Amino acid sequence: MREPGAGEIRDEVLPGPGPGEVLVRTLHTGVSRGTETLVFRGGVPEDQRDRMRAPFQDGDLPGPVKYGYLNVGVVERGPEALVGRTVFCLHPHQTAYVVPVDAVVAVPDGVPARRAVLAGTVETAVNALWDLGPLVGDRVTVVGAGMVGCCVARLLARIPGTEVTLVDVDPARAAVAEQLGVAFESPEDATAQRDAVVHTSATASGLQLALDLLAPEGTVLDLSWYGDRRVDLALGGAFHSGRLTLRSSQVGAVAPARRSSRTHADRLALALRLLRDPAFDVLLTGQSPFADLPDVMARLEAGALPALCHTIAYPGTEVAGCTP
């Protein structure tokens, strides 16, 4: 991104990989629509710019900056055991790059390369469930059927006896919910008395709805990142009398419930294994060639390109069903 609202592709000279490094040729990247469009419009508050740095980011917010973190490629040079392997890396959008060996994680057999771009999002969902601690048979609603919300809903649905509902303002997301194996409701018809609600819509109205749907002593887990937008809530109703809880979750640190027994690498490896589930393919809603990335970012930020996860295909990679 050259400056907020304007992107461009630049050439970069890569060094050869040294000892303990790999050269990766990118196959696919995914656009994390919530965070990356917020970065693209320059909406990260000044006091959060250091915290919002992506791994291997080049430059500083608000720009010029090289950003992104959902990258899948093939190792072309490095340790013999990795050469030719498909790997995931938290690296910005770039045709090729050199990183330390421990920055890449091999994509397991049974996970297509394009689906593997979701690893960072599924990792966020894993961390959220570790923060939330849902129980067998819980009634849980997810407000916001974006990338993160859909991944959370799918993982929740795999807990025996759990009743999971996905809520969104877009009725078209009902078809997505069906493929994820969960119920769908509009905000106006959302069922209340929920044991827990996970909020991912990044809107004040969505967060208020999440609180309103709770049963007494229930918990809202908020995964949204609001950037520089102010959030106002009405807390004069059942918030105190119902002893409701509002908690945040953020993927930058392993959830306290697992921090002593899991590393970031363990969590990412788990996310990649979970992506053997073909239901996640419903989240891959569009694809464009790398040359179109600046235009894709502008259209996503403007809302002109509807998408859950829009992926970018790189030179030498077949681009099927591209979005014009």
C-alpha atoms as a PDB file:
ATOM      1  CA  MET A   1       0.000   0.000   0.000  1.00  0.00           C
ATOM      2  CA  ARG A   2       1.534   3.296  -1.126  1.00  0.00           C
ATOM      3  CA  GLU A   3      -0.774   5.347   1.111  1.00  0.00           C
ATOM      4  CA  PRO A   4      -4.218   4.832   2.649  1.00  0.00           C
ATOM      5  CA  GLY A   5      -6.633   3.928  -0.128  1.00  0.00           C
ATOM      6  CA  ALA A   6      -3.984   3.393  -2.821  1.00  0.00           C
ATOM      7  CA  GLY A   7      -1.986   0.251  -3.516  1.00  0.00           C
ATOM      8  CA  GLU A   8       0.715  -0.640  -6.014  1.00  0.00           C
ATOM      9  CA  ILE A   9       2.984  -3.573  -6.876  1.00  0.00           C
ATOM     10  CA  ARG A  10       6.695  -2.935  -6.385  1.00  0.00           C
ATOM     11  CA  ASP A  11       9.790  -4.903  -7.365  1.00  0.00           C
ATOM     12  CA  GLU A  12      12.025  -6.224  -4.622  1.00  0.00           C
ATOM     13  CA  VAL A  13      15.471  -7.831  -4.842  1.00  0.00           C
ATOM     14  CA  LEU A  14      15.618 -11.024  -2.786  1.00  0.00           C
ATOM     15  CA  PRO A  15      18.804 -12.276  -1.148  1.00  0.00           C
ATOM     16  CA  GLY A  16      19.636 -15.960  -1.464  1.00  0.00           C
ATOM     17  CA  PRO A  17      18.566 -18.031   1.532  1.00  0.00           C
ATOM     18  CA  GLY A  18      21.260 -18.424   4.145  1.00  0.00           C
ATOM     19  CA  PRO A  19      21.687 -21.196   6.697  1.00  0.00           C
ATOM     20  CA  GLY A  20      18.402 -21.845   8.476  1.00  0.00           C
ATOM     21  CA  GLU A  21      16.357 -20.008   5.822  1.00  0.00           C
ATOM     22  CA  VAL A  22      14.022 -20.981   2.965  1.00  0.00           C
ATOM     23  CA  LEU A  23      13.135 -19.418  -0.362  1.00  0.00           C
ATOM     24  CA  VAL A  24       9.376 -19.754  -0.951  1.00  0.00           C
ATOM     25  CA  ARG A  25       7.530 -19.197  -4.227  1.00  0.00           C
ATOM     26  CA  THR A  26       3.978 -18.083  -3.473  1.00  0.00           C
ATOM     27  CA  LEU A  27       0.995 -20.019  -4.844  1.00  0.00           C
ATOM     28  CA  HIS A  28      -1.927 -18.275  -3.130  1.00  0.00           C
ATOM     29  CA  THR A  29      -2.546 -15.537  -0.605  1.00  0.00           C
ATOM     30  CA  GLY A  30      -5.805 -14.682   1.105  1.00  0.00           C
ATOM     31  CA  VAL A  31      -7.087 -11.218   1.936  1.00  0.00           C
ATOM     32  CA  SER A  32      -8.149 -10.966   5.571  1.00  0.00           C
ATOM     33  CA  ARG A  33     -11.025  -8.684   4.734  1.00  0.00           C
ATOM     34  CA  GLY A  34     -11.630  -7.160   8.163  1.00  0.00           C
ATOM     35  CA  THR A  35      -8.075  -6.332   9.198  1.00  0.00           C
ATOM     36  CA  GLU A  36      -6.569  -5.711   5.765  1.00  0.00           C
ATOM     37  CA  THR A  37      -9.307  -3.378   4.557  1.00  0.00           C
ATOM     38  CA  LEU A  38      -9.021  -1.485   7.852  1.00  0.00           C
ATOM     39  CA  VAL A  39      -5.274  -1.128   7.224  1.00  0.00           C
ATOM     40  CA  PHE A  40      -5.924  -0.194   3.576  1.00  0.00           C
ATOM     41  CA  ARG A  41      -8.208   2.706   4.488  1.00  0.00           C
ATOM     42  CA  GLY A  42      -5.763   3.931   7.167  1.00  0.00           C
ATOM     43  CA  GLY A  43      -8.111   3.120  10.053  1.00  0.00           C
ATOM     44  CA  VAL A  44      -5.590   1.779  12.583  1.00  0.00           C
ATOM     45  CA  PRO A  45      -5.327   4.190  15.561  1.00  0.00           C
ATOM     46  CA  GLU A  46      -1.878   5.700  15.981  1.00  0.00           C
ATOM     47  CA  ASP A  47      -1.371   4.155  19.421  1.00  0.00           C
ATOM     48  CA  GLN A  48      -2.090   0.659  18.013  1.00  0.00           C
ATOM     49  CA  ARG A  49       0.132   0.753  14.924  1.00  0.00           C
ATOM     50  CA  ASP A  50       3.031  -1.092  16.538  1.00  0.00           C
ATOM     51  CA  ARG A  51       0.699  -3.753  17.964  1.00  0.00           C
ATOM     52  CA  MET A  52      -0.891  -4.214  14.537  1.00  0.00           C
ATOM     53  CA  ARG A  53       2.381  -4.920  12.747  1.00  0.00           C
ATOM     54  CA  ALA A  54       2.147  -8.064  10.645  1.00  0.00           C
ATOM     55  CA  PRO A  55       4.996 -10.598  10.667  1.00  0.00           C
ATOM     56  CA  PHE A  56       7.509  -9.615   7.955  1.00  0.00           C
ATOM     57  CA  GLN A  57       5.751  -6.286   7.426  1.00  0.00           C
ATOM     58  CA  ASP A  58       7.873  -3.786   5.524  1.00  0.00           C
ATOM     59  CA  GLY A  59       7.286  -0.104   6.287  1.00  0.00           C
ATOM     60  CA  ASP A  60       5.102   1.495   8.920  1.00  0.00           C
ATOM     61  CA  LEU A  61       1.407   2.213   9.229  1.00  0.00           C
ATOM     62  CA  PRO A  62      -0.382   4.144   7.841  1.00  0.00           C
ATOM     63  CA  GLY A  63       1.936   3.711   4.819  1.00  0.00           C
ATOM     64  CA  PRO A  64       3.745   3.077   2.624  1.00  0.00           C
ATOM     65  CA  VAL A  65       3.588  -0.466   3.975  1.00  0.00           C
ATOM     66  CA  LYS A  66       3.723  -4.076   2.784  1.00  0.00           C
ATOM     67  CA  TYR A  67       1.017  -5.928   4.706  1.00  0.00           C
ATOM     68  CA  GLY A  68      -0.813  -9.288   4.782  1.00  0.00           C
ATOM     69  CA  TYR A  69      -0.398 -12.617   6.550  1.00  0.00           C
ATOM     70  CA  LEU A  70      -2.207 -15.456   4.740  1.00  0.00           C
ATOM     71  CA  ASN A  71       0.417 -16.902   2.393  1.00  0.00           C
ATOM     72  CA  VAL A  72       0.796 -20.409   0.945  1.00  0.00           C
ATOM     73  CA  GLY A  73       3.726 -21.346  -1.278  1.00  0.00           C
ATOM     74  CA  VAL A  74       6.265 -23.970  -2.259  1.00  0.00           C
ATOM     75  CA  VAL A  75       9.776 -24.133  -0.817  1.00  0.00           C
ATOM     76  CA  GLU A  76      12.255 -23.842  -3.696  1.00  0.00           C
ATOM     77  CA  ARG A  77      15.512 -23.625  -1.718  1.00  0.00           C
ATOM     78  CA  GLY A  78      16.356 -24.569   1.842  1.00  0.00           C
ATOM     79  CA  PRO A  79      16.718 -27.722   3.924  1.00  0.00           C
ATOM     80  CA  GLU A  80      16.285 -30.873   1.831  1.00  0.00           C
ATOM     81  CA  ALA A  81      13.323 -32.042   3.931  1.00  0.00           C
ATOM     82  CA  LEU A  82      11.350 -28.919   2.960  1.00  0.00           C
ATOM     83  CA  VAL A  83      12.292 -28.424  -0.696  1.00  0.00           C
ATOM     84  CA  GLY A  84       9.200 -29.033  -2.810  1.00  0.00           C
ATOM     85  CA  ARG A  85       6.853 -28.922   0.197  1.00  0.00           C
ATOM     86  CA  THR A  86       3.787 -26.688   0.297  1.00  0.00           C
ATOM     87  CA  VAL A  87       3.970 -24.415   3.340  1.00  0.00           C
ATOM     88  CA  PHE A  88       1.941 -21.736   5.102  1.00  0.00           C
ATOM     89  CA  CYS A  89       3.596 -18.534   6.291  1.00  0.00           C
ATOM     90  CA  LEU A  90       2.365 -15.337   7.946  1.00  0.00           C
ATOM     91  CA  HIS A  91       3.861 -13.278   5.119  1.00  0.00           C
ATOM     92  CA  PRO A  92       2.509 -10.322   3.100  1.00  0.00           C
ATOM     93  CA  HIS A  93       1.364 -10.592  -0.523  1.00  0.00           C
ATOM     94  CA  GLN A  94       4.563 -11.216  -2.514  1.00  0.00           C
ATOM     95  CA  THR A  95       5.512 -13.543  -5.386  1.00  0.00           C
ATOM     96  CA  ALA A  96       8.542 -14.970  -3.541  1.00  0.00           C
ATOM     97  CA  TYR A  97      10.288 -14.387  -0.217  1.00  0.00           C
ATOM     98  CA  VAL A  98      13.067 -15.566   2.077  1.00  0.00           C
ATOM     99  CA  VAL A  99      12.272 -16.284   5.737  1.00  0.00           C
ATOM    100  CA  PRO A 100      13.690 -18.364   8.609  1.00  0.00           C
ATOM    101  CA  VAL A 101      12.805 -22.060   8.478  1.00  0.00           C
ATOM    102  CA  ASP A 102      10.759 -21.825  11.671  1.00  0.00           C
ATOM    103  CA  ALA A 103       8.492 -19.193  10.059  1.00  0.00           C
ATOM    104  CA  VAL A 104       6.909 -21.761   7.728  1.00  0.00           C
ATOM    105  CA  VAL A 105       4.636 -24.685   8.589  1.00  0.00           C
ATOM    106  CA  ALA A 106       4.180 -27.608   6.205  1.00  0.00           C
ATOM    107  CA  VAL A 107       0.640 -27.969   4.884  1.00  0.00           C
ATOM    108  CA  PRO A 108      -0.646 -31.457   5.813  1.00  0.00           C
ATOM    109  CA  ASP A 109      -1.694 -34.005   3.228  1.00  0.00           C
ATOM    110  CA  GLY A 110      -5.368 -33.636   2.416  1.00  0.00           C
ATOM    111  CA  VAL A 111      -5.363 -29.818   2.602  1.00  0.00           C
ATOM    112  CA  PRO A 112      -5.419 -28.122  -0.842  1.00  0.00           C
ATOM    113  CA  ALA A 113      -3.034 -25.186  -1.182  1.00  0.00           C
ATOM    114  CA  ARG A 114      -5.778 -22.614  -1.785  1.00  0.00           C
ATOM    115  CA  ARG A 115      -7.799 -23.774   1.252  1.00  0.00           C
ATOM    116  CA  ALA A 116      -4.649 -23.546   3.367  1.00  0.00           C
ATOM    117  CA  VAL A 117      -4.713 -19.718   3.163  1.00  0.00           C
ATOM    118  CA  LEU A 118      -7.477 -19.950   5.787  1.00  0.00           C
ATOM    119  CA  ALA A 119      -5.000 -21.263   8.369  1.00  0.00           C
ATOM    120  CA  GLY A 120      -4.515 -17.880   9.998  1.00  0.00           C
ATOM    121  CA  THR A 121      -8.269 -17.388  10.314  1.00  0.00           C
ATOM    122  CA  VAL A 122      -8.902 -20.888  11.658  1.00  0.00           C
ATOM    123  CA  GLU A 123      -6.060 -20.260  14.121  1.00  0.00           C
ATOM    124  CA  THR A 124      -7.963 -17.185  15.344  1.00  0.00           C
ATOM    125  CA  ALA A 125     -11.068 -19.358  15.765  1.00  0.00           C
ATOM    126  CA  VAL A 126      -9.113 -21.994  17.691  1.00  0.00           C
ATOM    127  CA  ASN A 127      -7.795 -19.328  20.050  1.00  0.00           C
ATOM    128  CA  ALA A 128     -11.330 -17.981  20.504  1.00  0.00           C
ATOM    129  CA  LEU A 129     -12.653 -21.388  21.524  1.00  0.00           C
ATOM    130  CA  TRP A 130      -9.777 -21.757  23.974  1.00  0.00           C
ATOM    131  CA  ASP A 131     -10.776 -18.360  25.420  1.00  0.00           C
ATOM    132  CA  LEU A 132     -14.492 -19.182  25.495  1.00  0.00           C
ATOM    133  CA  GLY A 133     -14.319 -22.755  26.783  1.00  0.00           C
ATOM    134  CA  PRO A 134     -17.681 -23.968  25.369  1.00  0.00           C
ATOM    135  CA  LEU A 135     -19.254 -27.042  26.979  1.00  0.00           C
ATOM    136  CA  VAL A 136     -21.016 -30.026  25.463  1.00  0.00           C
ATOM    137  CA  GLY A 137     -24.638 -29.089  24.756  1.00  0.00           C
ATOM    138  CA  ASP A 138     -24.137 -25.317  24.977  1.00  0.00           C
ATOM    139  CA  ARG A 139     -26.415 -22.975  23.013  1.00  0.00           C
ATOM    140  CA  VAL A 140     -24.053 -20.619  21.189  1.00  0.00           C
ATOM    141  CA  THR A 141     -24.730 -17.878  18.669  1.00  0.00           C
ATOM    142  CA  VAL A 142     -22.121 -16.300  16.409  1.00  0.00           C
ATOM    143  CA  VAL A 143     -23.010 -12.733  15.370  1.00  0.00           C
ATOM    144  CA  GLY A 144     -21.295 -11.850  12.104  1.00  0.00           C
ATOM    145  CA  ALA A 145     -20.887 -14.342   9.250  1.00  0.00           C
ATOM    146  CA  GLY A 146     -17.546 -13.131   7.957  1.00  0.00           C
ATOM    147  CA  MET A 147     -14.377 -15.213   7.681  1.00  0.00           C
ATOM    148  CA  VAL A 148     -13.716 -15.409  11.415  1.00  0.00           C
ATOM    149  CA  GLY A 149     -17.346 -15.887  12.425  1.00  0.00           C
ATOM    150  CA  CYS A 150     -17.846 -18.710   9.938  1.00  0.00           C
ATOM    151  CA  CYS A 151     -14.674 -20.477  11.089  1.00  0.00           C
ATOM    152  CA  VAL A 152     -15.776 -20.181  14.727  1.00  0.00           C
ATOM    153  CA  ALA A 153     -19.219 -21.535  13.860  1.00  0.00           C
ATOM    154  CA  ARG A 154     -17.788 -24.544  12.048  1.00  0.00           C
ATOM    155  CA  LEU A 155     -15.493 -25.470  14.948  1.00  0.00           C
ATOM    156  CA  LEU A 156     -18.309 -25.017  17.478  1.00  0.00           C
ATOM    157  CA  ALA A 157     -20.555 -27.276  15.388  1.00  0.00           C
ATOM    158  CA  ARG A 158     -18.103 -30.135  15.847  1.00  0.00           C
ATOM    159  CA  ILE A 159     -18.581 -30.152  19.643  1.00  0.00           C
ATOM    160  CA  PRO A 160     -21.144 -32.884  20.467  1.00  0.00           C
ATOM    161  CA  GLY A 161     -24.617 -31.616  21.287  1.00  0.00           C
ATOM    162  CA  THR A 162     -23.778 -27.967  20.761  1.00  0.00           C
ATOM    163  CA  GLU A 163     -26.573 -25.848  19.259  1.00  0.00           C
ATOM    164  CA  VAL A 164     -24.922 -23.291  16.989  1.00  0.00           C
ATOM    165  CA  THR A 165     -26.609 -20.401  15.180  1.00  0.00           C
ATOM    166  CA  LEU A 166     -24.979 -17.942  12.791  1.00  0.00           C
ATOM    167  CA  VAL A 167     -26.543 -14.452  12.649  1.00  0.00           C
ATOM    168  CA  ASP A 168     -25.924 -11.933   9.883  1.00  0.00           C
ATOM    169  CA  VAL A 169     -27.665  -9.018   8.165  1.00  0.00           C
ATOM    170  CA  ASP A 170     -27.032 -10.584   4.743  1.00  0.00           C
ATOM    171  CA  PRO A 171     -29.653 -13.260   4.012  1.00  0.00           C
ATOM    172  CA  ALA A 172     -27.322 -14.777   1.400  1.00  0.00           C
ATOM    173  CA  ARG A 173     -25.158 -16.060   4.260  1.00  0.00           C
ATOM    174  CA  ALA A 174     -27.914 -18.593   5.044  1.00  0.00           C
ATOM    175  CA  ALA A 175     -26.526 -20.797   2.270  1.00  0.00           C
ATOM    176  CA  VAL A 176     -23.052 -20.526   3.782  1.00  0.00           C
ATOM    177  CA  ALA A 177     -24.388 -21.476   7.223  1.00  0.00           C
ATOM    178  CA  GLU A 178     -26.090 -24.529   5.736  1.00  0.00           C
ATOM    179  CA  GLN A 179     -22.827 -25.756   4.233  1.00  0.00           C
ATOM    180  CA  LEU A 180     -21.097 -25.177   7.571  1.00  0.00           C
ATOM    181  CA  GLY A 181     -23.731 -27.310   9.296  1.00  0.00           C
ATOM    182  CA  VAL A 182     -25.212 -24.584  11.513  1.00  0.00           C
ATOM    183  CA  ALA A 183     -28.530 -22.733  11.739  1.00  0.00           C
ATOM    184  CA  PHE A 184     -28.965 -19.222  10.357  1.00  0.00           C
ATOM    185  CA  GLU A 185     -31.035 -16.293  11.639  1.00  0.00           C
ATOM    186  CA  SER A 186     -31.417 -12.622  10.803  1.00  0.00           C
ATOM    187  CA  PRO A 187     -30.725 -10.119  13.597  1.00  0.00           C
ATOM    188  CA  GLU A 188     -34.455  -9.368  13.900  1.00  0.00           C
ATOM    189  CA  ASP A 189     -35.331 -13.027  14.473  1.00  0.00           C
ATOM    190  CA  ALA A 190     -32.303 -14.110  16.509  1.00  0.00           C
ATOM    191  CA  THR A 191     -33.062 -16.530  19.349  1.00  0.00           C
ATOM    192  CA  ALA A 192     -32.253 -15.275  22.849  1.00  0.00           C
ATOM    193  CA  GLN A 193     -31.278 -17.054  26.084  1.00  0.00           C
ATOM    194  CA  ARG A 194     -27.926 -18.208  24.722  1.00  0.00           C
ATOM    195  CA  ASP A 195     -25.217 -19.597  26.990  1.00  0.00           C
ATOM    196  CA  ALA A 196     -22.593 -17.729  24.983  1.00  0.00           C
ATOM    197  CA  VAL A 197     -22.360 -15.422  21.984  1.00  0.00           C
ATOM    198  CA  VAL A 198     -19.268 -14.873  19.850  1.00  0.00           C
ATOM    199  CA  HIS A 199     -19.256 -11.452  18.208  1.00  0.00           C
ATOM    200  CA  THR A 200     -17.360 -10.863  14.957  1.00  0.00           C
ATOM    201  CA  SER A 201     -19.337  -8.227  13.017  1.00  0.00           C
ATOM    202  CA  ALA A 202     -17.110  -5.265  13.996  1.00  0.00           C
ATOM    203  CA  THR A 203     -20.207  -3.088  14.511  1.00  0.00           C
ATOM    204  CA  ALA A 204     -21.684  -1.510  17.623  1.00  0.00           C
ATOM    205  CA  SER A 205     -25.142  -2.829  16.709  1.00  0.00           C
ATOM    206  CA  GLY A 206     -23.763  -6.351  16.398  1.00  0.00           C
ATOM    207  CA  LEU A 207     -22.095  -6.162  19.807  1.00  0.00           C
ATOM    208  CA  GLN A 208     -25.289  -4.821  21.378  1.00  0.00           C
ATOM    209  CA  LEU A 209     -27.260  -7.675  19.816  1.00  0.00           C
ATOM    210  CA  ALA A 210     -24.743 -10.176  21.161  1.00  0.00           C
ATOM    211  CA  LEU A 211     -25.302  -8.907  24.716  1.00  0.00           C
ATOM    212  CA  ASP A 212     -29.070  -8.855  24.245  1.00  0.00           C
ATOM    213  CA  LEU A 213     -29.096 -12.528  23.212  1.00  0.00           C
ATOM    214  CA  LEU A 214     -27.424 -13.811  26.392  1.00  0.00           C
ATOM    215  CA  ALA A 215     -29.069 -15.873  29.087  1.00  0.00           C
ATOM    216  CA  PRO A 216     -28.343 -14.776  32.679  1.00  0.00           C
ATOM    217  CA  GLU A 217     -24.647 -15.146  33.533  1.00  0.00           C
ATOM    218  CA  GLY A 218     -23.814 -15.731  29.876  1.00  0.00           C
ATOM    219  CA  THR A 219     -20.675 -14.520  28.108  1.00  0.00           C
ATOM    220  CA  VAL A 220     -20.042 -12.496  24.956  1.00  0.00           C
ATOM    221  CA  LEU A 221     -16.618 -13.124  23.455  1.00  0.00           C
ATOM    222  CA  ASP A 222     -15.719 -10.222  21.160  1.00  0.00           C
ATOM    223  CA  LEU A 223     -13.295 -10.972  18.315  1.00  0.00           C
ATOM    224  CA  SER A 224     -13.973  -7.768  16.379  1.00  0.00           C
ATOM    225  CA  TRP A 225     -11.324  -5.142  15.700  1.00  0.00           C
ATOM    226  CA  TYR A 226     -12.933  -1.700  15.516  1.00  0.00           C
ATOM    227  CA  GLY A 227      -9.876   0.368  14.645  1.00  0.00           C
ATOM    228  CA  ASP A 228     -10.638   4.066  15.063  1.00  0.00           C
ATOM    229  CA  ARG A 229     -14.425   3.577  15.241  1.00  0.00           C
ATOM    230  CA  ARG A 230     -16.167   4.402  18.531  1.00  0.00           C
ATOM    231  CA  VAL A 231     -18.479   1.765  20.053  1.00  0.00           C
ATOM    232  CA  ASP A 232     -21.452   2.793  22.235  1.00  0.00           C
ATOM    233  CA  LEU A 233     -23.447   0.209  24.213  1.00  0.00           C
ATOM    234  CA  ALA A 234     -26.646   0.355  26.247  1.00  0.00           C
ATOM    235  CA  LEU A 235     -25.684  -1.303  29.525  1.00  0.00           C
ATOM    236  CA  GLY A 236     -28.581  -0.107  31.644  1.00  0.00           C
ATOM    237  CA  GLY A 237     -30.761  -3.179  31.101  1.00  0.00           C
ATOM    238  CA  ALA A 238     -29.883  -6.779  31.920  1.00  0.00           C
ATOM    239  CA  PHE A 239     -26.119  -6.319  31.822  1.00  0.00           C
ATOM    240  CA  HIS A 240     -25.787  -5.953  35.613  1.00  0.00           C
ATOM    241  CA  SER A 241     -28.889  -7.748  36.843  1.00  0.00           C
ATOM    242  CA  GLY A 242     -28.121 -10.712  34.574  1.00  0.00           C
ATOM    243  CA  ARG A 243     -24.440 -10.738  35.611  1.00  0.00           C
ATOM    244  CA  LEU A 244     -23.415 -10.776  31.958  1.00  0.00           C
ATOM    245  CA  THR A 245     -19.771 -10.986  30.890  1.00  0.00           C
ATOM    246  CA  LEU A 246     -18.109  -9.214  27.963  1.00  0.00           C
ATOM    247  CA  ARG A 247     -14.620 -10.497  27.097  1.00  0.00           C
ATOM    248  CA  SER A 248     -12.180  -9.806  24.304  1.00  0.00           C
ATOM    249  CA  SER A 249     -10.137 -12.365  22.388  1.00  0.00           C
ATOM    250  CA  GLN A 250      -7.138 -11.637  20.214  1.00  0.00           C
ATOM    251  CA  VAL A 251      -4.875 -14.033  18.315  1.00  0.00           C
ATOM    252  CA  GLY A 252      -1.605 -12.232  19.083  1.00  0.00           C
ATOM    253  CA  ALA A 253      -1.154 -14.283  22.270  1.00  0.00           C
ATOM    254  CA  VAL A 254      -2.120 -17.898  22.961  1.00  0.00           C
ATOM    255  CA  ALA A 255      -5.265 -17.986  25.118  1.00  0.00           C
ATOM    256  CA  PRO A 256      -4.482 -18.231  28.869  1.00  0.00           C
ATOM    257  CA  ALA A 257      -6.239 -21.600  29.108  1.00  0.00           C
ATOM    258  CA  ARG A 258      -3.562 -23.153  26.854  1.00  0.00           C
ATOM    259  CA  ARG A 259      -0.639 -20.740  27.168  1.00  0.00           C
ATOM    260  CA  SER A 260       1.377 -23.047  29.416  1.00  0.00           C
ATOM    261  CA  SER A 261       0.980 -26.065  27.143  1.00  0.00           C
ATOM    262  CA  ARG A 262       0.742 -24.736  23.548  1.00  0.00           C
ATOM    263  CA  THR A 263       3.010 -22.522  21.481  1.00  0.00           C
ATOM    264  CA  HIS A 264       2.027 -20.317  18.568  1.00  0.00           C
ATOM    265  CA  ALA A 265       3.462 -23.014  16.266  1.00  0.00           C
ATOM    266  CA  ASP A 266       1.338 -25.706  17.961  1.00  0.00           C
ATOM    267  CA  ARG A 267      -1.783 -23.607  17.480  1.00  0.00           C
ATOM    268  CA  LEU A 268      -1.059 -22.942  13.791  1.00  0.00           C
ATOM    269  CA  ALA A 269      -0.293 -26.614  13.139  1.00  0.00           C
ATOM    270  CA  LEU A 270      -3.645 -27.531  14.710  1.00  0.00           C
ATOM    271  CA  ALA A 271      -5.430 -25.018  12.490  1.00  0.00           C
ATOM    272  CA  LEU A 272      -3.866 -26.558   9.392  1.00  0.00           C
ATOM    273  CA  ARG A 273      -4.939 -30.058  10.448  1.00  0.00           C
ATOM    274  CA  LEU A 274      -8.498 -28.822  10.994  1.00  0.00           C
ATOM    275  CA  LEU A 275      -8.499 -27.573   7.396  1.00  0.00           C
ATOM    276  CA  ARG A 276      -8.749 -31.154   6.163  1.00  0.00           C
ATOM    277  CA  ASP A 277     -12.471 -30.416   6.560  1.00  0.00           C
ATOM    278  CA  PRO A 278     -13.794 -29.579   3.039  1.00  0.00           C
ATOM    279  CA  ALA A 279     -16.641 -27.534   4.523  1.00  0.00           C
ATOM    280  CA  PHE A 280     -14.199 -24.610   4.768  1.00  0.00           C
ATOM    281  CA  ASP A 281     -14.142 -24.317   0.964  1.00  0.00           C
ATOM    282  CA  VAL A 282     -17.417 -22.382   1.133  1.00  0.00           C
ATOM    283  CA  LEU A 283     -15.419 -19.447   2.524  1.00  0.00           C
ATOM    284  CA  LEU A 284     -13.272 -19.154  -0.622  1.00  0.00           C
ATOM    285  CA  THR A 285     -15.596 -16.867  -2.543  1.00  0.00           C
ATOM    286  CA  GLY A 286     -13.447 -15.275  -5.238  1.00  0.00           C
ATOM    287  CA  GLN A 287     -10.025 -15.309  -6.859  1.00  0.00           C
ATOM    288  CA  SER A 288      -7.938 -12.797  -8.804  1.00  0.00           C
ATOM    289  CA  PRO A 289      -4.442 -12.756 -10.299  1.00  0.00           C
ATOM    290  CA  PHE A 290      -1.650 -11.062  -8.371  1.00  0.00           C
ATOM    291  CA  ALA A 291      -1.446  -8.214 -10.903  1.00  0.00           C
ATOM    292  CA  ASP A 292      -4.971  -7.143  -9.903  1.00  0.00           C
ATOM    293  CA  LEU A 293      -4.279  -6.978  -6.153  1.00  0.00           C
ATOM    294  CA  PRO A 294      -4.247  -3.144  -5.825  1.00  0.00           C
ATOM    295  CA  ASP A 295      -7.652  -2.937  -7.518  1.00  0.00           C
ATOM    296  CA  VAL A 296      -8.978  -5.870  -5.480  1.00  0.00           C
ATOM    297  CA  MET A 297      -8.050  -4.133  -2.207  1.00  0.00           C
ATOM    298  CA  ALA A 298      -9.740  -0.910  -3.273  1.00  0.00           C
ATOM    299  CA  ARG A 299     -12.925  -2.757  -4.286  1.00  0.00           C
ATOM    300  CA  LEU A 300     -13.014  -4.802  -1.077  1.00  0.00           C
ATOM    301  CA  GLU A 301     -12.590  -1.689   1.071  1.00  0.00           C
ATOM    302  CA  ALA A 302     -15.344   0.115  -0.855  1.00  0.00           C
ATOM    303  CA  GLY A 303     -17.720  -2.831  -0.531  1.00  0.00           C
ATOM    304  CA  ALA A 304     -17.873  -3.200  -4.333  1.00  0.00           C
ATOM    305  CA  LEU A 305     -16.438  -6.730  -4.245  1.00  0.00           C
ATOM    306  CA  PRO A 306     -18.480  -9.010  -1.955  1.00  0.00           C
ATOM    307  CA  ALA A 307     -16.354 -11.735  -0.439  1.00  0.00           C
ATOM    308  CA  LEU A 308     -15.693 -13.900   2.564  1.00  0.00           C
ATOM    309  CA  CYS A 309     -12.122 -14.810   1.695  1.00  0.00           C
ATOM    310  CA  HIS A 310     -10.919 -13.473  -1.642  1.00  0.00           C
ATOM    311  CA  THR A 311      -7.736 -15.217  -2.736  1.00  0.00           C
ATOM    312  CA  ILE A 312      -4.901 -14.083  -4.966  1.00  0.00           C
ATOM    313  CA  ALA A 313      -3.315 -16.512  -7.450  1.00  0.00           C
ATOM    314  CA  TYR A 314       0.349 -16.025  -8.341  1.00  0.00           C
ATOM    315  CA  PRO A 315       2.266 -16.398 -11.626  1.00  0.00           C
ATOM    316  CA  GLY A 316       2.466 -20.062 -12.603  1.00  0.00           C
ATOM    317  CA  THR A 317      -0.621 -20.937 -10.559  1.00  0.00           C
ATOM    318  CA  GLU A 318      -3.821 -21.854 -12.369  1.00  0.00           C
ATOM    319  CA  VAL A 319      -6.448 -19.159 -11.808  1.00  0.00           C
ATOM    320  CA  ALA A 320      -9.851 -20.824 -11.921  1.00  0.00           C
ATOM    321  CA  GLY A 321     -13.082 -18.887 -11.704  1.00  0.00           C
ATOM    322  CA  CYS A 322     -11.440 -15.497 -11.269  1.00  0.00           C
ATOM    323  CA  THR A 323     -13.512 -12.537 -10.216  1.00  0.00           C
ATOM    324  CA  PRO A 324     -13.118  -9.785 -12.829  1.00  0.00           C
END
